Amino acid sequence: MKIPFFKSVNRIMMVLIGLLLALSAAANVAAASPRIDVLNVKGTINPVLVDYIKRGIEEAEIARSEAVIIQMDTPGGLDTAMRDIVQAMVSARVPVVVYVSPSGARAASAGVFITMAAHVAVMAPNTAIGAAHPVSGSGEDIPETMEEKVVNDAAAYIRSIAGAHGRNMEWGEKAVRESVSATEQEALQLKVIDMVAPDLETLVTMLDGRKVAMLGNAEITMHTQGAVLFTNKMKLIEDFLYTIADPNIAYLLLSLASLGIMVEIFNPGLIFPGVVGAISLLLAFYALGVLPVNWAGVLLIVLAIGMFVAEAFTPTFGILTGGGIISLVIGSLILFKGASPLFQVSPWLIATVTILLTGGLTFIIQRAVSVHRKQASTGKEELAGKTAITRTVLKPDGMVFFKGERWGAVSDEGRIERGEEVVITRVDGLTLHVTKKKKWAES
């Protein structure tokens, strides 16, 4: 009876060993499979994207990946950011493939330089490349003599990039000087790109056995057969910063900051609007810092905020608000004046923000005016015995709210918490002396 038992144990052990060997073999096969890192670029070229691409290339080098594929769909972007990306690609120790995809995508302006700087340049069907004429990124029109220098510099740069990879230098220069464009088939015939691939899987197959020249004329043969694709996405913080580095988002953040700060000033002690406004202001200044902003526009918007705030403390009954609205509109219109159309705030967004801010401030001012008119019909002696609400903690100084108006107040009995009902005992100039409602009733 014991022999069958041992036979069963032996069989189980052999099955387990077989499974372990199979798993080990599968792991070895997976480890032996080449890896290709895929980075996704959709949107404008800016400093946040530079950090993402640099990180992706560095991680691919550490993982000894066979190649890095940058899937790109871009209308262009900042010249400085584009040059940083090109430098990262040129100095990479792993082949960098730029793949303009999916169908309907484009590589315009700065995207042309990045595509032509790739070790392998590829486009998907129904895509386009070109229109690389430089535009101002400073927020001002380029003088004629300076424009000629900028164009000549960009033309020489793209010829250098194209020549290093055996691509059509003349077409590259025309893309800069004349803003010419080409479809994927035209680009292939003109030797602007190396191949056309309908999808990533086909591209990986087409790359197998291809030889590329790296920095220092070192030649590498790509082995991509059976490669495992690893999509290296943006980190959460990178994705967030890339999203807010958009002119419309930056303008919305600046508007939200204005609204939050004004609400806090008109209603002190609410806290939340002030916190939201402060955070929005910091994020807006970060976004503006990576965009081709016209700082005169920023100063006009800040001036508008100052006028709106001053309206809360100065009895101008709308004069400062009117000046603030004019300053806001002009500042919004010239915020990115002279820059590429990529970095322009939507006129509809400007109109919407202006209408909302104007409507809100008009409502507040109308209430303030009506309160002042009512106040003129009664003397200050009429305030004694009236009930108010504390807006801040009185210890003993603070602020109370009475008939739609904020008053400086002094507690006759020490500390009174925020939100409590108090009774006005007397008026001293513009300061109300108050006491707790219960204590007043008892007396």
Protein backbone atom coordinates (compact mmCIF):
# COMPACT_ATOMS: atom_id res chain seq x y z
CA MET A 1 0.00 0.00 0.00
CA LYS A 2 2.91 2.36 0.61
CA ILE A 3 4.40 1.99 -2.87
CA PRO A 4 1.39 3.49 -4.72
CA PHE A 5 1.40 6.40 -2.25
CA PHE A 6 5.05 7.21 -3.00
CA LYS A 7 4.38 6.83 -6.69
CA SER A 8 1.60 9.45 -6.42
CA VAL A 9 3.93 11.83 -4.55
CA ASN A 10 6.60 11.37 -7.20
CA ARG A 11 4.13 12.12 -9.95
CA ILE A 12 2.95 15.30 -8.19
CA MET A 13 6.55 16.41 -7.69
CA MET A 14 7.36 15.80 -11.35
CA VAL A 15 4.31 17.82 -12.43
CA LEU A 16 5.34 20.72 -10.17
CA ILE A 17 8.92 20.63 -11.44
CA GLY A 18 7.62 20.62 -15.00
CA LEU A 19 5.45 23.66 -14.30
CA LEU A 20 8.37 25.50 -12.72
CA LEU A 21 10.57 24.75 -15.70
CA ALA A 22 7.86 25.93 -18.09
CA LEU A 23 7.39 29.17 -16.15
CA SER A 24 11.14 29.69 -16.06
CA ALA A 25 11.40 29.15 -19.79
CA ALA A 26 8.55 31.59 -20.42
CA ALA A 27 10.23 34.19 -18.21
CA ASN A 28 13.52 33.71 -20.09
CA VAL A 29 11.74 34.15 -23.41
CA ALA A 30 10.06 37.33 -22.16
CA ALA A 31 13.36 38.64 -20.87
CA ALA A 32 15.02 37.82 -24.17
CA SER A 33 12.31 39.64 -26.19
CA PRO A 34 13.42 43.10 -27.30
CA ARG A 35 11.62 46.04 -25.73
CA ILE A 36 10.46 49.19 -27.50
CA ASP A 37 9.36 52.22 -25.48
CA VAL A 38 6.47 54.29 -26.86
CA LEU A 39 5.97 57.97 -25.94
CA ASN A 40 2.81 59.83 -26.90
CA VAL A 41 2.91 63.50 -27.91
CA LYS A 42 -0.39 65.21 -28.72
CA GLY A 43 -0.49 68.99 -28.48
CA THR A 44 1.90 71.91 -28.49
CA ILE A 45 5.63 71.65 -27.92
CA ASN A 46 6.47 73.24 -24.55
CA PRO A 47 8.93 72.80 -21.65
CA VAL A 48 6.71 70.24 -19.88
CA LEU A 49 6.90 68.02 -22.97
CA VAL A 50 10.69 68.40 -22.99
CA ASP A 51 10.92 66.89 -19.51
CA TYR A 52 8.62 64.02 -20.50
CA ILE A 53 10.61 63.10 -23.63
CA LYS A 54 13.96 63.39 -21.83
CA ARG A 55 12.70 61.12 -19.07
CA GLY A 56 11.33 58.62 -21.60
CA ILE A 57 14.65 58.41 -23.47
CA GLU A 58 16.65 58.05 -20.25
CA GLU A 59 14.38 55.24 -18.98
CA ALA A 60 14.66 53.47 -22.35
CA GLU A 61 18.47 53.67 -22.13
CA ILE A 62 18.44 52.20 -18.61
CA ALA A 63 16.12 49.37 -19.72
CA ARG A 64 18.33 48.73 -22.79
CA SER A 65 15.34 49.11 -25.07
CA GLU A 66 15.78 48.45 -28.77
CA ALA A 67 14.25 51.81 -29.69
CA VAL A 68 12.05 54.70 -28.55
CA ILE A 69 9.01 55.50 -30.70
CA ILE A 70 7.55 58.99 -30.30
CA GLN A 71 3.98 58.98 -31.60
CA MET A 72 3.40 62.61 -32.48
CA ASP A 73 0.52 64.85 -33.50
CA THR A 74 1.46 68.51 -33.02
CA PRO A 75 0.60 71.90 -34.52
CA GLY A 76 4.02 73.16 -33.37
CA GLY A 77 5.18 75.10 -30.35
CA LEU A 78 8.08 76.93 -28.77
CA ASP A 79 11.42 77.09 -30.56
CA THR A 80 13.43 76.68 -27.34
CA ALA A 81 11.48 73.58 -26.32
CA MET A 82 11.85 72.10 -29.82
CA ARG A 83 15.63 72.55 -29.74
CA ASP A 84 15.84 70.89 -26.32
CA ILE A 85 13.93 67.89 -27.65
CA VAL A 86 16.14 67.67 -30.75
CA GLN A 87 19.27 67.76 -28.56
CA ALA A 88 17.89 64.96 -26.38
CA MET A 89 17.15 62.85 -29.47
CA VAL A 90 20.53 63.47 -31.12
CA SER A 91 22.47 62.58 -27.97
CA ALA A 92 20.34 59.51 -27.17
CA ARG A 93 22.12 56.16 -26.86
CA VAL A 94 19.04 54.38 -28.19
CA PRO A 95 17.49 54.88 -31.67
CA VAL A 96 14.62 57.38 -31.63
CA VAL A 97 11.79 56.85 -34.11
CA VAL A 98 9.31 59.69 -34.68
CA TYR A 99 5.98 58.36 -35.93
CA VAL A 100 3.47 61.01 -37.07
CA SER A 101 0.21 59.26 -36.27
CA PRO A 102 -2.65 58.37 -36.14
CA SER A 103 -4.29 59.12 -39.48
CA GLY A 104 -5.26 62.77 -39.57
CA ALA A 105 -2.29 63.84 -37.44
CA ARG A 106 0.30 66.43 -38.44
CA ALA A 107 3.84 67.50 -37.70
CA ALA A 108 3.73 71.25 -38.24
CA SER A 109 6.15 74.03 -37.35
CA ALA A 110 8.38 72.73 -34.51
CA GLY A 111 7.12 69.21 -35.29
CA VAL A 112 8.97 69.32 -38.64
CA PHE A 113 12.33 69.80 -36.90
CA ILE A 114 11.62 66.99 -34.43
CA THR A 115 10.55 64.59 -37.19
CA MET A 116 13.60 65.30 -39.35
CA ALA A 117 15.91 64.93 -36.33
CA ALA A 118 14.75 61.35 -35.70
CA HIS A 119 16.96 58.39 -36.45
CA VAL A 120 13.95 56.99 -38.31
CA ALA A 121 11.14 59.30 -39.52
CA VAL A 122 7.79 57.64 -40.20
CA MET A 123 4.29 58.87 -41.04
CA ALA A 124 0.91 57.17 -40.99
CA PRO A 125 -1.47 57.37 -43.98
CA ASN A 126 -3.45 60.62 -44.31
CA THR A 127 -1.02 62.71 -42.28
CA ALA A 128 0.88 65.92 -43.12
CA ILE A 129 4.18 67.61 -42.38
CA GLY A 130 5.45 71.16 -42.99
CA ALA A 131 4.74 74.88 -42.41
CA ALA A 132 7.81 75.50 -40.26
CA HIS A 133 8.16 79.26 -40.76
CA PRO A 134 9.21 80.83 -37.44
CA VAL A 135 6.85 83.18 -35.61
CA SER A 136 7.37 85.43 -32.63
CA GLY A 137 7.25 83.75 -29.27
CA SER A 138 7.91 86.91 -27.29
CA GLY A 139 4.49 88.45 -27.59
CA GLU A 140 5.70 91.15 -30.03
CA ASP A 141 5.96 91.42 -33.82
CA ILE A 142 9.42 90.56 -35.17
CA PRO A 143 11.16 93.54 -36.86
CA GLU A 144 12.04 92.87 -40.51
CA THR A 145 15.81 92.69 -39.96
CA MET A 146 15.41 90.46 -36.91
CA GLU A 147 12.92 88.23 -38.75
CA GLU A 148 15.48 87.66 -41.51
CA LYS A 149 18.05 86.57 -38.92
CA VAL A 150 15.58 84.24 -37.20
CA VAL A 151 14.51 82.65 -40.50
CA ASN A 152 18.11 82.21 -41.65
CA ASP A 153 19.01 80.59 -38.33
CA ALA A 154 16.02 78.21 -38.52
CA ALA A 155 16.82 77.34 -42.15
CA ALA A 156 20.44 76.52 -41.31
CA TYR A 157 19.31 74.47 -38.31
CA ILE A 158 16.88 72.32 -40.30
CA ARG A 159 19.44 71.79 -43.10
CA SER A 160 21.92 70.56 -40.49
CA ILE A 161 19.35 68.19 -38.98
CA ALA A 162 18.21 66.86 -42.36
CA GLY A 163 21.76 66.43 -43.66
CA ALA A 164 22.82 64.44 -40.61
CA HIS A 165 20.20 61.80 -41.45
CA GLY A 166 20.42 61.93 -45.24
CA ARG A 167 17.10 63.70 -45.68
CA ASN A 168 16.00 66.36 -48.14
CA MET A 169 17.70 69.57 -46.96
CA GLU A 170 16.19 71.71 -49.73
CA TRP A 171 12.63 70.74 -48.81
CA GLY A 172 13.40 71.38 -45.13
CA GLU A 173 14.60 74.88 -45.97
CA LYS A 174 11.47 75.53 -48.05
CA ALA A 175 9.33 74.43 -45.10
CA VAL A 176 11.04 77.15 -43.05
CA ARG A 177 11.23 79.94 -45.63
CA GLU A 178 8.05 79.29 -47.64
CA SER A 179 5.95 77.26 -45.16
CA VAL A 180 5.51 74.41 -47.68
CA SER A 181 3.77 71.23 -46.54
CA ALA A 182 3.56 67.65 -47.80
CA THR A 183 1.40 64.57 -47.38
CA GLU A 184 2.96 61.32 -46.17
CA GLN A 185 3.37 59.99 -49.74
CA GLU A 186 4.89 63.24 -50.98
CA ALA A 187 7.21 63.34 -47.97
CA LEU A 188 8.30 59.75 -48.73
CA GLN A 189 9.01 60.54 -52.39
CA LEU A 190 10.89 63.71 -51.46
CA LYS A 191 13.00 61.74 -48.92
CA VAL A 192 11.75 63.86 -46.04
CA ILE A 193 10.79 60.69 -44.14
CA ASP A 194 11.99 57.10 -44.31
CA MET A 195 8.78 55.10 -44.47
CA VAL A 196 4.98 55.05 -44.19
CA ALA A 197 3.38 52.65 -41.71
CA PRO A 198 -0.36 52.20 -41.04
CA ASP A 199 0.03 51.22 -37.38
CA LEU A 200 2.53 50.52 -34.60
CA GLU A 201 2.64 46.77 -35.12
CA THR A 202 3.48 47.17 -38.81
CA LEU A 203 6.08 49.79 -37.95
CA VAL A 204 7.81 47.45 -35.49
CA THR A 205 8.02 44.79 -38.20
CA MET A 206 9.39 47.30 -40.73
CA LEU A 207 12.08 48.46 -38.31
CA ASP A 208 13.58 44.99 -37.90
CA GLY A 209 17.05 44.81 -39.41
CA ARG A 210 17.21 48.53 -40.17
CA LYS A 211 20.59 50.19 -39.63
CA VAL A 212 20.75 53.66 -38.06
CA ALA A 213 23.67 56.02 -37.47
CA MET A 214 23.99 57.22 -33.89
CA LEU A 215 26.01 60.11 -32.49
CA GLY A 216 29.69 59.70 -33.35
CA ASN A 217 28.83 57.73 -36.55
CA ALA A 218 28.27 54.53 -34.56
CA GLU A 219 25.98 52.25 -36.57
CA ILE A 220 23.31 50.17 -34.87
CA THR A 221 21.18 47.43 -36.42
CA MET A 222 17.69 47.33 -34.94
CA HIS A 223 16.27 43.93 -33.95
CA THR A 224 12.58 44.44 -33.38
CA GLN A 225 11.15 41.03 -34.32
CA GLY A 226 8.79 39.96 -31.53
CA ALA A 227 9.45 43.16 -29.60
CA VAL A 228 7.35 44.00 -26.55
CA LEU A 229 5.81 47.50 -26.70
CA PHE A 230 6.05 49.45 -23.44
CA THR A 231 3.91 52.59 -23.37
CA ASN A 232 5.59 55.17 -21.16
CA LYS A 233 2.80 57.58 -20.27
CA MET A 234 3.13 60.99 -18.70
CA LYS A 235 3.18 60.98 -14.93
CA LEU A 236 0.17 62.53 -13.22
CA ILE A 237 2.02 65.76 -12.40
CA GLU A 238 3.46 65.96 -15.96
CA ASP A 239 0.01 65.48 -17.45
CA PHE A 240 -1.46 68.15 -15.15
CA LEU A 241 1.27 70.71 -15.89
CA TYR A 242 1.05 69.99 -19.64
CA THR A 243 -2.72 70.55 -19.51
CA ILE A 244 -2.53 73.92 -17.76
CA ALA A 245 0.30 75.11 -20.04
CA ASP A 246 -2.38 76.15 -22.53
CA PRO A 247 -3.30 79.80 -23.20
CA ASN A 248 -7.03 79.27 -22.59
CA ILE A 249 -6.44 77.27 -19.39
CA ALA A 250 -3.92 79.85 -18.15
CA TYR A 251 -6.42 82.65 -18.83
CA LEU A 252 -9.20 80.74 -17.03
CA LEU A 253 -6.93 80.22 -14.02
CA LEU A 254 -6.09 83.94 -13.97
CA SER A 255 -9.81 84.80 -14.15
CA LEU A 256 -10.66 82.29 -11.41
CA ALA A 257 -7.92 83.79 -9.25
CA SER A 258 -9.40 87.26 -9.76
CA LEU A 259 -12.88 86.08 -8.85
CA GLY A 260 -11.75 84.14 -5.77
CA ILE A 261 -9.68 87.01 -4.39
CA MET A 262 -12.48 89.55 -4.97
CA VAL A 263 -15.11 87.34 -3.30
CA GLU A 264 -12.82 86.93 -0.29
CA ILE A 265 -12.24 90.69 -0.03
CA PHE A 266 -15.93 91.54 -0.38
CA ASN A 267 -16.81 88.80 2.14
CA PRO A 268 -13.85 88.47 4.53
CA GLY A 269 -13.69 85.32 6.56
CA LEU A 270 -15.09 82.93 3.93
CA ILE A 271 -11.55 81.48 3.49
CA PHE A 272 -12.41 79.01 0.68
CA PRO A 273 -12.66 81.57 -2.18
CA GLY A 274 -9.39 83.13 -1.06
CA VAL A 275 -7.60 79.77 -0.97
CA VAL A 276 -8.94 78.81 -4.42
CA GLY A 277 -7.99 82.23 -5.77
CA ALA A 278 -4.45 82.06 -4.38
CA ILE A 279 -3.83 78.54 -5.74
CA SER A 280 -5.28 79.50 -9.14
CA LEU A 281 -3.05 82.58 -9.25
CA LEU A 282 0.10 80.54 -8.61
CA LEU A 283 -0.88 77.96 -11.25
CA ALA A 284 -1.69 80.75 -13.71
CA PHE A 285 1.73 82.33 -13.23
CA TYR A 286 3.37 78.92 -13.75
CA ALA A 287 1.45 78.42 -17.01
CA LEU A 288 2.25 81.95 -18.17
CA GLY A 289 5.91 81.31 -17.35
CA VAL A 290 6.15 78.54 -19.96
CA LEU A 291 4.09 80.37 -22.61
CA PRO A 292 5.08 83.23 -24.95
CA VAL A 293 3.26 85.80 -22.85
CA ASN A 294 3.08 89.56 -23.35
CA TRP A 295 3.71 90.83 -19.82
CA ALA A 296 2.00 94.15 -20.60
CA GLY A 297 -1.22 92.13 -20.91
CA VAL A 298 -0.57 90.44 -17.57
CA LEU A 299 0.04 93.81 -15.88
CA LEU A 300 -3.22 95.19 -17.30
CA ILE A 301 -5.14 92.19 -15.94
CA VAL A 302 -3.46 92.62 -12.53
CA LEU A 303 -4.38 96.33 -12.68
CA ALA A 304 -8.00 95.34 -13.38
CA ILE A 305 -7.98 93.10 -10.29
CA GLY A 306 -6.58 95.99 -8.25
CA MET A 307 -9.36 98.31 -9.46
CA PHE A 308 -12.02 95.72 -8.64
CA VAL A 309 -10.59 95.32 -5.14
CA ALA A 310 -10.34 99.09 -4.65
CA GLU A 311 -14.03 99.37 -5.53
CA ALA A 312 -14.82 97.47 -2.34
CA PHE A 313 -13.20 100.15 -0.18
CA THR A 314 -13.72 103.35 -2.22
CA PRO A 315 -17.17 104.97 -2.73
CA THR A 316 -16.74 105.52 -6.48
CA PHE A 317 -19.98 103.67 -7.28
CA GLY A 318 -18.70 101.92 -10.39
CA ILE A 319 -15.98 104.19 -11.74
CA LEU A 320 -13.15 101.88 -10.70
CA THR A 321 -15.13 98.86 -11.86
CA GLY A 322 -15.58 100.42 -15.30
CA GLY A 323 -11.86 101.11 -15.50
CA GLY A 324 -11.16 97.56 -14.34
CA ILE A 325 -13.37 96.07 -17.05
CA ILE A 326 -11.64 98.12 -19.75
CA SER A 327 -8.23 97.11 -18.40
CA LEU A 328 -9.32 93.44 -18.25
CA VAL A 329 -10.54 93.38 -21.86
CA ILE A 330 -7.44 95.12 -23.26
CA GLY A 331 -5.10 92.95 -21.18
CA SER A 332 -6.90 89.78 -22.32
CA LEU A 333 -6.70 90.76 -25.99
CA ILE A 334 -2.95 91.50 -25.91
CA LEU A 335 -2.00 88.73 -23.46
CA PHE A 336 -0.32 86.80 -26.27
CA LYS A 337 -0.29 89.55 -28.92
CA GLY A 338 2.07 88.87 -31.81
CA ALA A 339 2.61 85.22 -30.86
CA SER A 340 1.69 82.21 -32.96
CA PRO A 341 -2.06 81.50 -33.36
CA LEU A 342 -1.35 78.43 -31.21
CA PHE A 343 -0.88 80.75 -28.25
CA GLN A 344 -3.96 82.95 -28.51
CA VAL A 345 -6.86 83.14 -26.07
CA SER A 346 -10.25 82.41 -27.62
CA PRO A 347 -12.26 85.66 -28.12
CA TRP A 348 -15.36 83.80 -26.95
CA LEU A 349 -13.62 82.91 -23.70
CA ILE A 350 -12.59 86.54 -23.17
CA ALA A 351 -16.17 87.70 -23.81
CA THR A 352 -17.62 85.08 -21.43
CA VAL A 353 -15.20 85.90 -18.61
CA THR A 354 -15.76 89.65 -19.03
CA ILE A 355 -19.55 89.28 -18.98
CA LEU A 356 -19.50 87.05 -15.89
CA LEU A 357 -17.14 89.34 -13.97
CA THR A 358 -19.05 92.46 -15.03
CA GLY A 359 -22.40 90.94 -14.08
CA GLY A 360 -21.16 89.81 -10.68
CA LEU A 361 -19.52 93.14 -9.86
CA THR A 362 -22.56 95.13 -11.09
CA PHE A 363 -24.78 93.14 -8.73
CA ILE A 364 -22.46 93.78 -5.79
CA ILE A 365 -22.13 97.50 -6.58
CA GLN A 366 -25.90 97.94 -6.97
CA ARG A 367 -26.42 96.41 -3.54
CA ALA A 368 -23.77 98.69 -2.07
CA VAL A 369 -25.35 101.78 -3.66
CA SER A 370 -28.83 100.86 -2.42
CA VAL A 371 -27.47 100.33 1.10
CA HIS A 372 -25.77 103.72 1.05
CA ARG A 373 -28.99 105.41 -0.12
CA LYS A 374 -31.00 103.78 2.64
CA GLN A 375 -28.34 104.76 5.12
CA ALA A 376 -28.70 108.45 4.19
CA SER A 377 -32.39 108.47 5.20
CA THR A 378 -31.61 107.60 8.80
CA GLY A 379 -29.06 108.98 11.21
CA LYS A 380 -26.42 106.94 12.96
CA GLU A 381 -28.42 107.20 16.15
CA GLU A 382 -30.98 104.91 14.51
CA LEU A 383 -28.44 102.07 14.54
CA ALA A 384 -28.52 101.64 18.30
CA GLY A 385 -30.46 98.54 19.25
CA LYS A 386 -30.26 97.00 15.76
CA THR A 387 -29.00 93.44 15.25
CA ALA A 388 -25.86 92.61 13.21
CA ILE A 389 -23.90 89.44 12.45
CA THR A 390 -20.19 89.11 13.22
CA ARG A 391 -18.13 88.46 10.10
CA THR A 392 -14.89 87.92 12.00
CA VAL A 393 -14.01 87.05 15.56
CA LEU A 394 -14.25 90.16 17.74
CA LYS A 395 -11.33 90.16 20.19
CA PRO A 396 -12.43 92.87 20.78
CA ASP A 397 -11.92 94.48 17.32
CA GLY A 398 -13.29 92.92 14.18
CA MET A 399 -15.98 93.26 11.54
CA VAL A 400 -19.77 92.84 11.49
CA PHE A 401 -22.36 92.70 8.72
CA PHE A 402 -25.38 94.98 8.96
CA LYS A 403 -28.00 95.49 6.22
CA GLY A 404 -25.73 94.42 3.37
CA GLU A 405 -22.79 96.49 4.59
CA ARG A 406 -19.59 95.65 6.46
CA TRP A 407 -18.70 97.73 9.52
CA GLY A 408 -15.71 97.87 11.77
CA ALA A 409 -16.84 96.83 15.24
CA VAL A 410 -15.63 96.68 18.85
CA SER A 411 -17.03 94.26 21.41
CA ASP A 412 -18.08 95.82 24.71
CA GLU A 413 -17.58 92.51 26.49
CA GLY A 414 -14.41 90.94 25.08
CA ARG A 415 -14.26 88.06 22.58
CA ILE A 416 -17.28 87.24 20.40
CA GLU A 417 -17.09 84.37 17.89
CA ARG A 418 -17.69 84.70 14.16
CA GLY A 419 -21.30 84.24 12.99
CA GLU A 420 -22.96 85.30 16.27
CA GLU A 421 -25.79 87.79 16.47
CA VAL A 422 -24.83 91.02 18.22
CA VAL A 423 -26.71 94.19 19.14
CA ILE A 424 -25.34 97.64 18.33
CA THR A 425 -25.03 99.68 21.52
CA ARG A 426 -23.59 102.90 20.08
CA VAL A 427 -21.78 104.34 17.06
CA ASP A 428 -18.36 105.99 17.29
CA GLY A 429 -17.57 107.51 13.87
CA LEU A 430 -17.53 104.51 11.49
CA THR A 431 -17.08 101.99 14.30
CA LEU A 432 -19.96 100.13 15.91
CA HIS A 433 -19.86 99.13 19.55
CA VAL A 434 -21.69 95.84 20.01
CA THR A 435 -22.61 93.29 22.62
CA LYS A 436 -23.98 89.75 22.48
CA LYS A 437 -27.72 89.61 21.76
CA LYS A 438 -28.47 87.48 24.83
CA LYS A 439 -26.65 89.85 27.15
CA TRP A 440 -28.50 92.83 25.64
CA ALA A 441 -31.84 91.11 26.18
CA GLU A 442 -30.98 90.37 29.82
CA SER A 443 -30.13 93.99 30.46
